[in-house]
């Protein structure tokens, strides 16, 4: 889930494979597996013309919910 969320964040404004791989710091094998998963589940889309991956509305919803759950489970401590 962490990797999928990081990949969606990396592709938010459009990104090629190498940029996503570099930002998320995963192997090419992992990148391929996660891209396939995110594409199949319609969280990412691929534009053949520009060769960019972009986050879909479904992917944005997932990323927002994932972030909210993470903040609920592990709230940031406030300094007084």
Protein backbone atom coordinates (compact mmCIF):
# COMPACT_ATOMS: atom_id res chain seq x y z
CA UNK A 1 0.00 0.00 0.00
CA UNK A 2 2.87 2.37 0.78
CA UNK A 3 4.44 1.73 -2.61
CA UNK A 4 1.16 2.13 -4.49
CA UNK A 5 0.45 5.39 -2.70
CA UNK A 6 3.97 6.71 -3.39
CA UNK A 7 3.64 5.78 -7.06
CA UNK A 8 0.35 7.65 -7.35
CA UNK A 9 1.93 10.68 -5.75
CA UNK A 10 4.89 10.49 -8.14
CA UNK A 11 2.57 10.34 -11.16
CA UNK A 12 0.20 13.07 -9.99
CA UNK A 13 1.10 15.59 -12.69
CA UNK A 14 2.22 12.95 -15.19
CA UNK A 15 5.42 10.95 -15.14
CA UNK A 16 7.41 8.48 -17.20
CA UNK A 17 8.41 5.09 -15.78
CA UNK A 18 11.94 6.11 -14.86
CA UNK A 19 10.75 9.14 -12.89
CA UNK A 20 8.30 7.02 -10.89
CA UNK A 21 10.97 4.38 -10.27
CA UNK A 22 13.47 6.99 -9.13
CA UNK A 23 11.03 8.83 -6.83
CA UNK A 24 9.69 5.67 -5.20
CA UNK A 25 13.09 3.90 -5.12
CA UNK A 26 11.97 0.47 -6.23
CA UNK A 27 13.36 -2.10 -8.63
CA UNK A 28 12.25 -2.31 -12.24
CA UNK A 29 10.49 -5.61 -11.47
CA UNK A 30 8.51 -4.01 -8.64
CA UNK A 31 7.73 -1.00 -10.80
CA UNK A 32 6.31 -3.20 -13.54
CA UNK A 33 4.18 -5.23 -11.12
CA UNK A 34 2.74 -2.16 -9.40
CA UNK A 35 2.12 -0.30 -12.66
CA UNK A 36 0.20 -3.30 -13.97
CA UNK A 37 -1.84 -3.45 -10.76
CA UNK A 38 -2.60 0.29 -10.72
CA UNK A 39 -3.53 0.29 -14.41
CA UNK A 40 -5.76 -2.80 -14.09
CA UNK A 41 -7.55 -1.21 -11.13
CA UNK A 42 -7.96 2.09 -12.97
CA UNK A 43 -5.95 4.13 -10.49
CA UNK A 44 -3.44 5.11 -13.17
CA UNK A 45 -3.83 5.70 -16.88
CA UNK A 46 -1.17 5.64 -19.56
CA UNK A 47 -1.07 8.11 -22.45
CA UNK A 48 0.67 6.39 -25.36
CA UNK A 49 1.16 9.66 -27.19
CA UNK A 50 3.03 11.44 -24.38
CA UNK A 51 4.25 8.20 -22.72
CA UNK A 52 3.14 9.55 -19.35
CA UNK A 53 1.36 7.83 -16.50
CA UNK A 54 -1.29 9.94 -14.79
CA UNK A 55 -3.40 9.43 -11.70
CA UNK A 56 -7.12 8.90 -12.29
CA UNK A 57 -9.92 10.16 -10.07
CA UNK A 58 -10.12 6.69 -8.51
CA UNK A 59 -6.38 6.85 -7.78
CA UNK A 60 -6.76 10.26 -6.16
CA UNK A 61 -9.54 8.96 -3.92
CA UNK A 62 -7.38 6.00 -2.90
CA UNK A 63 -4.39 8.24 -2.12
CA UNK A 64 -6.52 10.61 -0.02
CA UNK A 65 -8.13 7.78 1.94
CA UNK A 66 -4.79 6.07 2.48
CA UNK A 67 -3.31 9.29 3.83
CA UNK A 68 -6.31 9.86 6.14
CA UNK A 69 -6.10 6.32 7.50
CA UNK A 70 -2.37 6.72 8.12
CA UNK A 71 -2.94 9.98 9.99
CA UNK A 72 -5.69 8.37 12.07
CA UNK A 73 -3.56 5.39 13.02
CA UNK A 74 -0.39 7.40 13.62
CA UNK A 75 -1.35 11.01 14.43
CA UNK A 76 1.42 13.54 14.46
CA UNK A 77 2.37 14.66 17.91
CA UNK A 78 2.01 18.34 18.61
CA UNK A 79 4.68 20.33 20.32
CA UNK A 80 3.27 22.70 22.92
